[in-house]
Amino acid sequence: MSNQSGIVAEQQLVDNLRNAEVGSKGIVIITGEISDDFTSVLYKAKYNSIEELKSNLGKEPLYVFIKDSSSSAPDQYNFISFVPDDSHVRYKMLYASTKNTLVRQIGTNDINKQVLFTVPEEFDDNLNDSEEIKSTLLSESERSNIEVEEQHRSMRLSQFAKNHKLVSQTDGVPASLAFDVVTGGSSISDSLNTNNVIQFTIDGQNENVQIINKETISRPEDLKIIQEHPSYTIFKNGDMLYFIYSCPSGSKVKERMLYASNKTGFINHLKDSESINFANVLEIGDPEELEISLISSKNEEEADAKVDSGSSAQRFSKPKGPMRRKRA
């Protein structure tokens, strides 16, 4: 997915943010949510206290804007992306990819700081301007960078002691990731001559990518993507090879980061070391989001004959949104 989703704020949300006045407690809170059709960020509610906000938070992601007259920046909002850990992975990605566009639309001069919260209790620290609290309120990108960099550091230390082929990549992350590729004695290319489905997992403890399943299926509809954790799947359909990266809802943050950051490096390894080239690279959340039509072509002629706008390198099917509370 690109860094921007194309989703923009509706005018009602923008107007409420521009015209909001703090209440008797010296605070005003505006919340917004991405619409069910994924086209806009809607105005949701207005509160005058953190307690009132917390009592109305559920399992759904929200954008939260808090203006506090007693803070060091009384005329600016603190912009919080509230994304619970058990939110659907698609919504996590949508809220992450939309926030920068939202900030630009509202105006960067009106935003004091941007942070990511995953539990309601984190809002209790929002009004505390002490340096100790500020140091814990990292932006979403800062949190991600720190966790990713820690993964890099650990893996680099072990890399020097090994002399194996490594999967590595430096695509938009602070440093390269590196893993051994464990194939069980035979090459992946050879395995694809006897099986048309090979699935991989990342073993973070042993720092390797390993094959966890090989099988042969007769048709694309029989493909079963692993549901319990993120995975990489290679599917061979006739002459065509497909790569599927799946990150089911409920996956741990570190797992999501690990698989997403290593995907490009693994694909490059397969291309350079195994001469494996993919007709399509797909990214999905839960297994049921896989669009079978994107892996159904058996040769280039079939692929060329299909007039399908979804034949790009990355394709996301429209997810089924979670049940939403009725508006008052």
C-alpha atoms as a PDB file:
ATOM      1  CA  MET A   1       0.000   0.000   0.000  1.00  0.00           C
ATOM      2  CA  SER A   2       1.163   3.471  -0.723  1.00  0.00           C
ATOM      3  CA  ASN A   3       1.973   5.971   1.997  1.00  0.00           C
ATOM      4  CA  GLN A   4      -1.235   7.857   1.183  1.00  0.00           C
ATOM      5  CA  SER A   5      -4.697   6.321   0.911  1.00  0.00           C
ATOM      6  CA  GLY A   6      -6.475   9.082  -1.011  1.00  0.00           C
ATOM      7  CA  ILE A   7      -8.999   9.431   1.832  1.00  0.00           C
ATOM      8  CA  VAL A   8      -9.728  13.047   2.835  1.00  0.00           C
ATOM      9  CA  ALA A   9     -11.568  14.753   5.684  1.00  0.00           C
ATOM     10  CA  GLU A  10     -15.173  15.769   5.206  1.00  0.00           C
ATOM     11  CA  GLN A  11     -15.896  19.477   5.639  1.00  0.00           C
ATOM     12  CA  GLN A  12     -17.897  18.967   8.854  1.00  0.00           C
ATOM     13  CA  LEU A  13     -14.825  17.573  10.596  1.00  0.00           C
ATOM     14  CA  VAL A  14     -12.600  20.387   9.331  1.00  0.00           C
ATOM     15  CA  ASP A  15     -15.124  23.043  10.406  1.00  0.00           C
ATOM     16  CA  ASN A  16     -15.506  21.561  13.886  1.00  0.00           C
ATOM     17  CA  LEU A  17     -11.754  21.524  14.376  1.00  0.00           C
ATOM     18  CA  ARG A  18     -11.374  25.122  13.242  1.00  0.00           C
ATOM     19  CA  ASN A  19     -14.273  26.481  15.287  1.00  0.00           C
ATOM     20  CA  ALA A  20     -14.072  24.359  18.439  1.00  0.00           C
ATOM     21  CA  GLU A  21     -13.828  26.192  21.760  1.00  0.00           C
ATOM     22  CA  VAL A  22     -12.535  24.668  24.976  1.00  0.00           C
ATOM     23  CA  GLY A  23     -15.122  23.828  27.610  1.00  0.00           C
ATOM     24  CA  SER A  24     -15.281  24.631  31.309  1.00  0.00           C
ATOM     25  CA  LYS A  25     -12.460  22.196  32.009  1.00  0.00           C
ATOM     26  CA  GLY A  26     -10.217  23.984  29.527  1.00  0.00           C
ATOM     27  CA  ILE A  27     -10.207  21.142  27.044  1.00  0.00           C
ATOM     28  CA  VAL A  28     -11.980  20.189  23.837  1.00  0.00           C
ATOM     29  CA  ILE A  29     -11.790  16.817  22.099  1.00  0.00           C
ATOM     30  CA  ILE A  30     -12.912  16.094  18.533  1.00  0.00           C
ATOM     31  CA  THR A  31     -12.979  12.573  17.092  1.00  0.00           C
ATOM     32  CA  GLY A  32     -13.175  11.347  13.509  1.00  0.00           C
ATOM     33  CA  GLU A  33     -13.416   7.993  11.769  1.00  0.00           C
ATOM     34  CA  ILE A  34     -12.885   6.642   8.272  1.00  0.00           C
ATOM     35  CA  SER A  35     -16.179   6.110   6.465  1.00  0.00           C
ATOM     36  CA  ASP A  36     -17.506   2.644   5.656  1.00  0.00           C
ATOM     37  CA  ASP A  37     -16.833   3.193   1.953  1.00  0.00           C
ATOM     38  CA  PHE A  38     -13.229   4.281   2.664  1.00  0.00           C
ATOM     39  CA  THR A  39     -13.585   7.638   0.893  1.00  0.00           C
ATOM     40  CA  SER A  40     -13.478  10.190   3.713  1.00  0.00           C
ATOM     41  CA  VAL A  41     -12.782  10.890   7.381  1.00  0.00           C
ATOM     42  CA  LEU A  42     -16.086  11.681   9.087  1.00  0.00           C
ATOM     43  CA  TYR A  43     -16.787  13.849  12.116  1.00  0.00           C
ATOM     44  CA  LYS A  44     -17.826  11.503  14.939  1.00  0.00           C
ATOM     45  CA  ALA A  45     -18.155  13.289  18.289  1.00  0.00           C
ATOM     46  CA  LYS A  46     -17.076  16.113  20.587  1.00  0.00           C
ATOM     47  CA  TYR A  47     -16.102  15.768  24.255  1.00  0.00           C
ATOM     48  CA  ASN A  48     -15.022  18.087  27.054  1.00  0.00           C
ATOM     49  CA  SER A  49     -12.973  15.682  29.162  1.00  0.00           C
ATOM     50  CA  ILE A  50     -10.622  12.729  28.843  1.00  0.00           C
ATOM     51  CA  GLU A  51     -12.947  10.680  31.056  1.00  0.00           C
ATOM     52  CA  GLU A  52     -15.850  11.280  28.691  1.00  0.00           C
ATOM     53  CA  LEU A  53     -13.694  10.331  25.708  1.00  0.00           C
ATOM     54  CA  LYS A  54     -12.431   7.126  27.319  1.00  0.00           C
ATOM     55  CA  SER A  55     -15.943   6.008  28.230  1.00  0.00           C
ATOM     56  CA  ASN A  56     -16.875   6.162  24.552  1.00  0.00           C
ATOM     57  CA  LEU A  57     -13.840   4.372  23.128  1.00  0.00           C
ATOM     58  CA  GLY A  58     -14.392   0.890  21.771  1.00  0.00           C
ATOM     59  CA  LYS A  59     -12.440  -1.542  19.625  1.00  0.00           C
ATOM     60  CA  GLU A  60     -12.704   0.601  16.517  1.00  0.00           C
ATOM     61  CA  PRO A  61      -9.836   2.885  15.418  1.00  0.00           C
ATOM     62  CA  LEU A  62     -10.400   6.628  15.697  1.00  0.00           C
ATOM     63  CA  TYR A  63      -8.612   9.874  15.051  1.00  0.00           C
ATOM     64  CA  VAL A  64      -8.635  12.009  18.205  1.00  0.00           C
ATOM     65  CA  PHE A  65      -7.821  15.728  18.349  1.00  0.00           C
ATOM     66  CA  ILE A  66      -7.262  17.229  21.810  1.00  0.00           C
ATOM     67  CA  LYS A  67      -6.819  20.939  22.514  1.00  0.00           C
ATOM     68  CA  ASP A  68      -5.872  21.873  26.092  1.00  0.00           C
ATOM     69  CA  SER A  69      -5.727  25.506  27.219  1.00  0.00           C
ATOM     70  CA  SER A  70      -3.282  24.662  30.019  1.00  0.00           C
ATOM     71  CA  SER A  71      -0.726  22.955  27.796  1.00  0.00           C
ATOM     72  CA  SER A  72       2.441  24.474  26.362  1.00  0.00           C
ATOM     73  CA  ALA A  73       0.647  24.783  22.999  1.00  0.00           C
ATOM     74  CA  PRO A  74      -2.885  25.934  23.936  1.00  0.00           C
ATOM     75  CA  ASP A  75      -3.869  26.868  20.376  1.00  0.00           C
ATOM     76  CA  GLN A  76      -2.830  23.572  18.811  1.00  0.00           C
ATOM     77  CA  TYR A  77      -4.230  20.072  18.813  1.00  0.00           C
ATOM     78  CA  ASN A  78      -2.523  16.917  19.920  1.00  0.00           C
ATOM     79  CA  PHE A  79      -3.377  14.470  17.129  1.00  0.00           C
ATOM     80  CA  ILE A  80      -3.773  10.895  18.324  1.00  0.00           C
ATOM     81  CA  SER A  81      -4.293   7.879  16.102  1.00  0.00           C
ATOM     82  CA  PHE A  82      -6.164   5.516  18.403  1.00  0.00           C
ATOM     83  CA  VAL A  83      -5.704   2.047  16.909  1.00  0.00           C
ATOM     84  CA  PRO A  84      -6.324  -0.881  19.296  1.00  0.00           C
ATOM     85  CA  ASP A  85      -3.985  -3.835  18.871  1.00  0.00           C
ATOM     86  CA  ASP A  86      -6.857  -6.156  17.953  1.00  0.00           C
ATOM     87  CA  SER A  87      -8.142  -3.895  15.175  1.00  0.00           C
ATOM     88  CA  HIS A  88      -8.426  -5.459  11.727  1.00  0.00           C
ATOM     89  CA  VAL A  89      -5.055  -5.163   9.987  1.00  0.00           C
ATOM     90  CA  ARG A  90      -6.672  -3.387   7.035  1.00  0.00           C
ATOM     91  CA  TYR A  91      -7.935  -0.633   9.309  1.00  0.00           C
ATOM     92  CA  LYS A  92      -4.525  -0.279  10.914  1.00  0.00           C
ATOM     93  CA  MET A  93      -3.026   0.272   7.480  1.00  0.00           C
ATOM     94  CA  LEU A  94      -5.774   2.675   6.398  1.00  0.00           C
ATOM     95  CA  TYR A  95      -5.494   4.826   9.504  1.00  0.00           C
ATOM     96  CA  ALA A  96      -1.699   4.905   9.198  1.00  0.00           C
ATOM     97  CA  SER A  97      -1.734   5.826   5.503  1.00  0.00           C
ATOM     98  CA  THR A  98      -4.421   8.509   5.865  1.00  0.00           C
ATOM     99  CA  LYS A  99      -3.134  10.521   8.823  1.00  0.00           C
ATOM    100  CA  ASN A 100      -0.517  12.562   6.939  1.00  0.00           C
ATOM    101  CA  THR A 101      -3.075  13.662   4.358  1.00  0.00           C
ATOM    102  CA  LEU A 102      -5.444  14.566   7.178  1.00  0.00           C
ATOM    103  CA  VAL A 103      -2.809  16.688   8.919  1.00  0.00           C
ATOM    104  CA  ARG A 104      -2.032  18.582   5.730  1.00  0.00           C
ATOM    105  CA  GLN A 105      -5.719  19.217   5.101  1.00  0.00           C
ATOM    106  CA  ILE A 106      -6.294  20.548   8.609  1.00  0.00           C
ATOM    107  CA  GLY A 107      -3.043  22.494   8.613  1.00  0.00           C
ATOM    108  CA  THR A 108       0.293  21.508  10.119  1.00  0.00           C
ATOM    109  CA  ASN A 109       0.383  24.761  12.114  1.00  0.00           C
ATOM    110  CA  ASP A 110      -2.677  23.586  14.038  1.00  0.00           C
ATOM    111  CA  ILE A 111      -1.054  20.325  15.148  1.00  0.00           C
ATOM    112  CA  ASN A 112       1.277  20.236  18.157  1.00  0.00           C
ATOM    113  CA  LYS A 113       2.296  16.585  18.173  1.00  0.00           C
ATOM    114  CA  GLN A 114       1.218  13.302  16.635  1.00  0.00           C
ATOM    115  CA  VAL A 115       1.123  10.105  18.672  1.00  0.00           C
ATOM    116  CA  LEU A 116      -0.205   6.572  18.424  1.00  0.00           C
ATOM    117  CA  PHE A 117      -2.271   5.093  21.261  1.00  0.00           C
ATOM    118  CA  THR A 118      -3.497   1.503  21.407  1.00  0.00           C
ATOM    119  CA  VAL A 119      -5.332   1.481  24.771  1.00  0.00           C
ATOM    120  CA  PRO A 120      -7.628   4.099  26.376  1.00  0.00           C
ATOM    121  CA  GLU A 121      -5.396   4.414  29.440  1.00  0.00           C
ATOM    122  CA  GLU A 122      -2.737   6.141  27.351  1.00  0.00           C
ATOM    123  CA  PHE A 123      -4.980   9.199  27.105  1.00  0.00           C
ATOM    124  CA  ASP A 124      -4.467   9.821  30.831  1.00  0.00           C
ATOM    125  CA  ASP A 125      -0.968  11.087  30.086  1.00  0.00           C
ATOM    126  CA  ASN A 126      -2.030  13.415  27.289  1.00  0.00           C
ATOM    127  CA  LEU A 127      -2.360  16.514  29.497  1.00  0.00           C
ATOM    128  CA  ASN A 128       0.953  16.035  31.261  1.00  0.00           C
ATOM    129  CA  ASP A 129       3.608  18.204  29.611  1.00  0.00           C
ATOM    130  CA  SER A 130       6.538  16.999  31.695  1.00  0.00           C
ATOM    131  CA  GLU A 131       9.675  15.904  29.865  1.00  0.00           C
ATOM    132  CA  GLU A 132       9.324  12.432  31.343  1.00  0.00           C
ATOM    133  CA  ILE A 133       5.892  11.982  29.810  1.00  0.00           C
ATOM    134  CA  LYS A 134       6.872  13.620  26.539  1.00  0.00           C
ATOM    135  CA  SER A 135       9.709  11.147  26.135  1.00  0.00           C
ATOM    136  CA  THR A 136       7.199   8.277  26.239  1.00  0.00           C
ATOM    137  CA  LEU A 137       4.771   9.821  23.753  1.00  0.00           C
ATOM    138  CA  LEU A 138       6.599   8.886  20.601  1.00  0.00           C
ATOM    139  CA  SER A 139       5.068   9.441  17.220  1.00  0.00           C
ATOM    140  CA  GLU A 140       3.904   6.405  15.290  1.00  0.00           C
ATOM    141  CA  SER A 141       6.894   6.542  12.970  1.00  0.00           C
ATOM    142  CA  GLU A 142       9.302   6.978  15.889  1.00  0.00           C
ATOM    143  CA  ARG A 143       7.909   3.947  17.641  1.00  0.00           C
ATOM    144  CA  SER A 144       8.126   1.869  14.487  1.00  0.00           C
ATOM    145  CA  ASN A 145      11.656   3.047  13.710  1.00  0.00           C
ATOM    146  CA  ILE A 146      12.875   2.207  17.211  1.00  0.00           C
ATOM    147  CA  GLU A 147      11.385  -1.294  17.122  1.00  0.00           C
ATOM    148  CA  VAL A 148      12.633  -1.968  13.606  1.00  0.00           C
ATOM    149  CA  GLU A 149      16.096  -0.633  14.417  1.00  0.00           C
ATOM    150  CA  GLU A 150      16.250  -2.920  17.452  1.00  0.00           C
ATOM    151  CA  GLN A 151      15.475  -5.851  15.161  1.00  0.00           C
ATOM    152  CA  HIS A 152      18.212  -4.685  12.789  1.00  0.00           C
ATOM    153  CA  ARG A 153      20.765  -4.353  15.575  1.00  0.00           C
ATOM    154  CA  SER A 154      20.117  -7.838  16.927  1.00  0.00           C
ATOM    155  CA  MET A 155      20.281  -9.428  13.493  1.00  0.00           C
ATOM    156  CA  ARG A 156      23.423  -7.565  12.440  1.00  0.00           C
ATOM    157  CA  LEU A 157      25.254  -8.844  15.520  1.00  0.00           C
ATOM    158  CA  SER A 158      24.547 -12.445  14.588  1.00  0.00           C
ATOM    159  CA  GLN A 159      25.127 -11.928  10.872  1.00  0.00           C
ATOM    160  CA  PHE A 160      28.884 -11.519  11.269  1.00  0.00           C
ATOM    161  CA  ALA A 161      29.168 -14.954  12.861  1.00  0.00           C
ATOM    162  CA  LYS A 162      27.467 -16.698   9.964  1.00  0.00           C
ATOM    163  CA  ASN A 163      28.504 -17.566   6.443  1.00  0.00           C
ATOM    164  CA  HIS A 164      25.250 -18.357   4.678  1.00  0.00           C
ATOM    165  CA  LYS A 165      23.157 -16.789   1.986  1.00  0.00           C
ATOM    166  CA  LEU A 166      21.139 -14.007   3.531  1.00  0.00           C
ATOM    167  CA  VAL A 167      17.875 -12.305   2.719  1.00  0.00           C
ATOM    168  CA  SER A 168      18.425  -8.549   3.026  1.00  0.00           C
ATOM    169  CA  GLN A 169      16.795  -5.346   1.962  1.00  0.00           C
ATOM    170  CA  THR A 170      16.978  -1.633   2.664  1.00  0.00           C
ATOM    171  CA  ASP A 171      13.663  -0.531   1.212  1.00  0.00           C
ATOM    172  CA  GLY A 172      12.593   2.420   3.304  1.00  0.00           C
ATOM    173  CA  VAL A 173      13.811   1.160   6.675  1.00  0.00           C
ATOM    174  CA  PRO A 174      16.721   2.479   8.783  1.00  0.00           C
ATOM    175  CA  ALA A 175      18.984  -0.508   8.059  1.00  0.00           C
ATOM    176  CA  SER A 176      18.850  -3.836   6.231  1.00  0.00           C
ATOM    177  CA  LEU A 177      17.179  -6.923   7.645  1.00  0.00           C
ATOM    178  CA  ALA A 178      18.967 -10.259   7.272  1.00  0.00           C
ATOM    179  CA  PHE A 179      17.814 -13.856   7.677  1.00  0.00           C
ATOM    180  CA  ASP A 180      19.130 -17.273   6.753  1.00  0.00           C
ATOM    181  CA  VAL A 181      16.917 -19.108   4.285  1.00  0.00           C
ATOM    182  CA  VAL A 182      16.336 -22.704   5.375  1.00  0.00           C
ATOM    183  CA  THR A 183      15.054 -24.882   2.528  1.00  0.00           C
ATOM    184  CA  GLY A 184      15.515 -28.381   3.948  1.00  0.00           C
ATOM    185  CA  GLY A 185      18.220 -29.550   1.560  1.00  0.00           C
ATOM    186  CA  SER A 186      16.612 -28.882  -1.810  1.00  0.00           C
ATOM    187  CA  SER A 187      16.308 -25.531  -3.519  1.00  0.00           C
ATOM    188  CA  ILE A 188      12.988 -23.722  -3.640  1.00  0.00           C
ATOM    189  CA  SER A 189      13.061 -23.971  -7.435  1.00  0.00           C
ATOM    190  CA  ASP A 190      13.411 -27.746  -7.257  1.00  0.00           C
ATOM    191  CA  SER A 191      10.608 -27.967  -4.707  1.00  0.00           C
ATOM    192  CA  LEU A 192       8.319 -26.098  -7.112  1.00  0.00           C
ATOM    193  CA  ASN A 193       8.836 -28.882  -9.645  1.00  0.00           C
ATOM    194  CA  THR A 194       7.089 -31.339  -7.322  1.00  0.00           C
ATOM    195  CA  ASN A 195       4.787 -29.045  -5.332  1.00  0.00           C
ATOM    196  CA  ASN A 196       2.862 -26.008  -6.495  1.00  0.00           C
ATOM    197  CA  VAL A 197       2.368 -24.474  -3.046  1.00  0.00           C
ATOM    198  CA  ILE A 198       5.206 -23.593  -0.677  1.00  0.00           C
ATOM    199  CA  GLN A 199       4.609 -21.591   2.494  1.00  0.00           C
ATOM    200  CA  PHE A 200       7.173 -19.838   4.654  1.00  0.00           C
ATOM    201  CA  THR A 201       7.399 -18.434   8.149  1.00  0.00           C
ATOM    202  CA  ILE A 202      10.008 -16.229   9.827  1.00  0.00           C
ATOM    203  CA  ASP A 203      11.610 -17.703  12.931  1.00  0.00           C
ATOM    204  CA  GLY A 204      12.741 -14.594  14.778  1.00  0.00           C
ATOM    205  CA  GLN A 205      14.490 -16.535  17.528  1.00  0.00           C
ATOM    206  CA  ASN A 206      16.673 -18.534  15.129  1.00  0.00           C
ATOM    207  CA  GLU A 207      16.767 -15.672  12.609  1.00  0.00           C
ATOM    208  CA  ASN A 208      15.750 -17.574   9.518  1.00  0.00           C
ATOM    209  CA  VAL A 209      13.025 -17.923   6.918  1.00  0.00           C
ATOM    210  CA  GLN A 210      11.885 -21.521   6.793  1.00  0.00           C
ATOM    211  CA  ILE A 211       9.497 -23.664   4.811  1.00  0.00           C
ATOM    212  CA  ILE A 212       6.575 -24.816   6.944  1.00  0.00           C
ATOM    213  CA  ASN A 213       4.359 -26.397   4.307  1.00  0.00           C
ATOM    214  CA  LYS A 214       4.594 -27.950   0.843  1.00  0.00           C
ATOM    215  CA  GLU A 215       1.626 -29.317  -1.034  1.00  0.00           C
ATOM    216  CA  THR A 216       0.052 -29.748  -4.434  1.00  0.00           C
ATOM    217  CA  ILE A 217      -3.413 -28.439  -5.191  1.00  0.00           C
ATOM    218  CA  SER A 218      -5.491 -28.892  -8.340  1.00  0.00           C
ATOM    219  CA  ARG A 219      -7.010 -25.417  -8.567  1.00  0.00           C
ATOM    220  CA  PRO A 220      -6.476 -21.927  -7.084  1.00  0.00           C
ATOM    221  CA  GLU A 221      -9.667 -22.182  -5.007  1.00  0.00           C
ATOM    222  CA  ASP A 222      -8.025 -24.964  -2.985  1.00  0.00           C
ATOM    223  CA  LEU A 223      -5.229 -22.704  -1.761  1.00  0.00           C
ATOM    224  CA  LYS A 224      -5.299 -22.397   2.035  1.00  0.00           C
ATOM    225  CA  ILE A 225      -3.465 -19.420   3.526  1.00  0.00           C
ATOM    226  CA  ILE A 226      -2.184 -19.770   7.090  1.00  0.00           C
ATOM    227  CA  GLN A 227      -4.616 -18.118   9.516  1.00  0.00           C
ATOM    228  CA  GLU A 228      -2.680 -18.143  12.791  1.00  0.00           C
ATOM    229  CA  HIS A 229       0.163 -15.758  11.930  1.00  0.00           C
ATOM    230  CA  PRO A 230       1.725 -13.810   9.018  1.00  0.00           C
ATOM    231  CA  SER A 231       3.224 -15.891   6.222  1.00  0.00           C
ATOM    232  CA  TYR A 232       4.666 -15.878   2.725  1.00  0.00           C
ATOM    233  CA  THR A 233       3.140 -18.222   0.142  1.00  0.00           C
ATOM    234  CA  ILE A 234       4.410 -19.151  -3.316  1.00  0.00           C
ATOM    235  CA  PHE A 235       1.737 -20.587  -5.598  1.00  0.00           C
ATOM    236  CA  LYS A 236       2.621 -22.066  -8.992  1.00  0.00           C
ATOM    237  CA  ASN A 237      -0.317 -22.133 -11.398  1.00  0.00           C
ATOM    238  CA  GLY A 238       0.769 -23.580 -14.725  1.00  0.00           C
ATOM    239  CA  ASP A 239       3.640 -21.412 -15.948  1.00  0.00           C
ATOM    240  CA  MET A 240       2.828 -18.547 -13.588  1.00  0.00           C
ATOM    241  CA  LEU A 241       4.242 -17.965 -10.111  1.00  0.00           C
ATOM    242  CA  TYR A 242       2.459 -15.880  -7.489  1.00  0.00           C
ATOM    243  CA  PHE A 243       3.757 -14.491  -4.199  1.00  0.00           C
ATOM    244  CA  ILE A 244       1.258 -13.850  -1.398  1.00  0.00           C
ATOM    245  CA  TYR A 245       2.092 -12.005   1.806  1.00  0.00           C
ATOM    246  CA  SER A 246      -0.635 -12.498   4.395  1.00  0.00           C
ATOM    247  CA  CYS A 247      -0.939 -10.686   7.731  1.00  0.00           C
ATOM    248  CA  PRO A 248      -4.095 -11.888   9.526  1.00  0.00           C
ATOM    249  CA  SER A 249      -5.969  -9.628  11.916  1.00  0.00           C
ATOM    250  CA  GLY A 250      -4.747 -10.052  15.464  1.00  0.00           C
ATOM    251  CA  SER A 251      -1.109 -10.501  14.416  1.00  0.00           C
ATOM    252  CA  LYS A 252       1.364  -9.001  16.840  1.00  0.00           C
ATOM    253  CA  VAL A 253       2.901  -5.640  15.992  1.00  0.00           C
ATOM    254  CA  LYS A 254       6.435  -7.053  15.881  1.00  0.00           C
ATOM    255  CA  GLU A 255       5.293  -9.869  13.570  1.00  0.00           C
ATOM    256  CA  ARG A 256       3.658  -7.406  11.189  1.00  0.00           C
ATOM    257  CA  MET A 257       6.791  -5.253  11.109  1.00  0.00           C
ATOM    258  CA  LEU A 258       9.060  -8.268  10.650  1.00  0.00           C
ATOM    259  CA  TYR A 259       7.172  -9.749   7.706  1.00  0.00           C
ATOM    260  CA  ALA A 260       6.387  -6.434   6.013  1.00  0.00           C
ATOM    261  CA  SER A 261       9.981  -5.209   6.266  1.00  0.00           C
ATOM    262  CA  ASN A 262      11.457  -8.488   5.017  1.00  0.00           C
ATOM    263  CA  LYS A 263       9.040  -9.108   2.147  1.00  0.00           C
ATOM    264  CA  THR A 264      10.961  -7.195  -0.526  1.00  0.00           C
ATOM    265  CA  GLY A 265      14.269  -8.709   0.545  1.00  0.00           C
ATOM    266  CA  PHE A 266      12.856 -12.224   0.376  1.00  0.00           C
ATOM    267  CA  ILE A 267      11.402 -11.624  -3.093  1.00  0.00           C
ATOM    268  CA  ASN A 268      14.761 -10.253  -4.254  1.00  0.00           C
ATOM    269  CA  HIS A 269      16.513 -13.301  -2.808  1.00  0.00           C
ATOM    270  CA  LEU A 270      14.182 -15.636  -4.700  1.00  0.00           C
ATOM    271  CA  LYS A 271      14.819 -13.709  -7.899  1.00  0.00           C
ATOM    272  CA  ASP A 272      18.600 -13.459  -7.554  1.00  0.00           C
ATOM    273  CA  SER A 273      19.404 -16.822  -5.954  1.00  0.00           C
ATOM    274  CA  GLU A 274      16.637 -19.050  -7.317  1.00  0.00           C
ATOM    275  CA  SER A 275      15.770 -17.286 -10.616  1.00  0.00           C
ATOM    276  CA  ILE A 276      12.159 -17.114  -9.471  1.00  0.00           C
ATOM    277  CA  ASN A 277      10.133 -14.287 -10.988  1.00  0.00           C
ATOM    278  CA  PHE A 278       6.552 -13.612  -9.976  1.00  0.00           C
ATOM    279  CA  ALA A 279       3.643 -12.729 -12.232  1.00  0.00           C
ATOM    280  CA  ASN A 280       1.951 -10.983  -9.318  1.00  0.00           C
ATOM    281  CA  VAL A 281       2.837 -10.047  -5.742  1.00  0.00           C
ATOM    282  CA  LEU A 282      -0.209  -9.845  -3.498  1.00  0.00           C
ATOM    283  CA  GLU A 283      -0.653  -8.441  -0.008  1.00  0.00           C
ATOM    284  CA  ILE A 284      -3.693  -9.459   2.010  1.00  0.00           C
ATOM    285  CA  GLY A 285      -4.905  -9.354   5.582  1.00  0.00           C
ATOM    286  CA  ASP A 286      -7.030 -12.348   6.481  1.00  0.00           C
ATOM    287  CA  PRO A 287      -7.001 -15.393   4.143  1.00  0.00           C
ATOM    288  CA  GLU A 288     -10.554 -14.771   2.938  1.00  0.00           C
ATOM    289  CA  GLU A 289      -9.417 -11.461   1.420  1.00  0.00           C
ATOM    290  CA  LEU A 290      -7.480 -13.270  -1.307  1.00  0.00           C
ATOM    291  CA  GLU A 291      -9.040 -12.615  -4.712  1.00  0.00           C
ATOM    292  CA  ILE A 292      -8.782 -15.890  -6.614  1.00  0.00           C
ATOM    293  CA  SER A 293      -9.023 -14.091  -9.961  1.00  0.00           C
ATOM    294  CA  LEU A 294      -5.591 -12.577  -9.324  1.00  0.00           C
ATOM    295  CA  ILE A 295      -3.908 -16.000  -9.182  1.00  0.00           C
ATOM    296  CA  SER A 296      -6.037 -17.834 -11.752  1.00  0.00           C
ATOM    297  CA  SER A 297      -3.974 -17.233 -14.907  1.00  0.00           C
ATOM    298  CA  LYS A 298      -1.840 -20.219 -15.923  1.00  0.00           C
ATOM    299  CA  ASN A 299       0.203 -18.453 -18.591  1.00  0.00           C
ATOM    300  CA  GLU A 300       0.957 -15.003 -19.963  1.00  0.00           C
ATOM    301  CA  GLU A 301      -1.641 -15.353 -22.712  1.00  0.00           C
ATOM    302  CA  GLU A 302      -4.399 -15.865 -20.164  1.00  0.00           C
ATOM    303  CA  ALA A 303      -3.126 -12.970 -18.085  1.00  0.00           C
ATOM    304  CA  ASP A 304      -2.980 -10.634 -21.081  1.00  0.00           C
ATOM    305  CA  ALA A 305      -6.506 -11.619 -22.091  1.00  0.00           C
ATOM    306  CA  LYS A 306      -7.953 -10.488 -18.790  1.00  0.00           C
ATOM    307  CA  VAL A 307      -9.038  -6.895 -18.670  1.00  0.00           C
ATOM    308  CA  ASP A 308      -8.665  -6.405 -14.955  1.00  0.00           C
ATOM    309  CA  SER A 309      -7.599  -3.181 -13.282  1.00  0.00           C
ATOM    310  CA  GLY A 310      -6.519  -5.217 -10.288  1.00  0.00           C
ATOM    311  CA  SER A 311      -3.472  -6.724 -11.992  1.00  0.00           C
ATOM    312  CA  SER A 312      -1.029  -4.284 -10.361  1.00  0.00           C
ATOM    313  CA  ALA A 313       1.871  -5.444  -8.259  1.00  0.00           C
ATOM    314  CA  GLN A 314      -0.074  -4.903  -5.043  1.00  0.00           C
ATOM    315  CA  ARG A 315      -3.825  -5.372  -4.763  1.00  0.00           C
ATOM    316  CA  PHE A 316      -6.028  -5.077  -1.712  1.00  0.00           C
ATOM    317  CA  SER A 317      -9.545  -6.402  -1.738  1.00  0.00           C
ATOM    318  CA  LYS A 318     -12.202  -4.306  -0.060  1.00  0.00           C
ATOM    319  CA  PRO A 319     -12.522  -5.643   3.491  1.00  0.00           C
ATOM    320  CA  LYS A 320     -15.686  -6.219   5.365  1.00  0.00           C
ATOM    321  CA  GLY A 321     -15.844  -3.437   7.906  1.00  0.00           C
ATOM    322  CA  PRO A 322     -16.498  -4.241  11.541  1.00  0.00           C
ATOM    323  CA  MET A 323     -19.914  -3.602  13.021  1.00  0.00           C
ATOM    324  CA  ARG A 324     -20.145   0.041  13.984  1.00  0.00           C
ATOM    325  CA  ARG A 325     -22.107   1.582  16.797  1.00  0.00           C
ATOM    326  CA  LYS A 326     -25.200   3.479  15.780  1.00  0.00           C
ATOM    327  CA  ARG A 327     -24.752   7.197  15.890  1.00  0.00           C
ATOM    328  CA  ALA A 328     -26.721   9.055  18.498  1.00  0.00           C
END
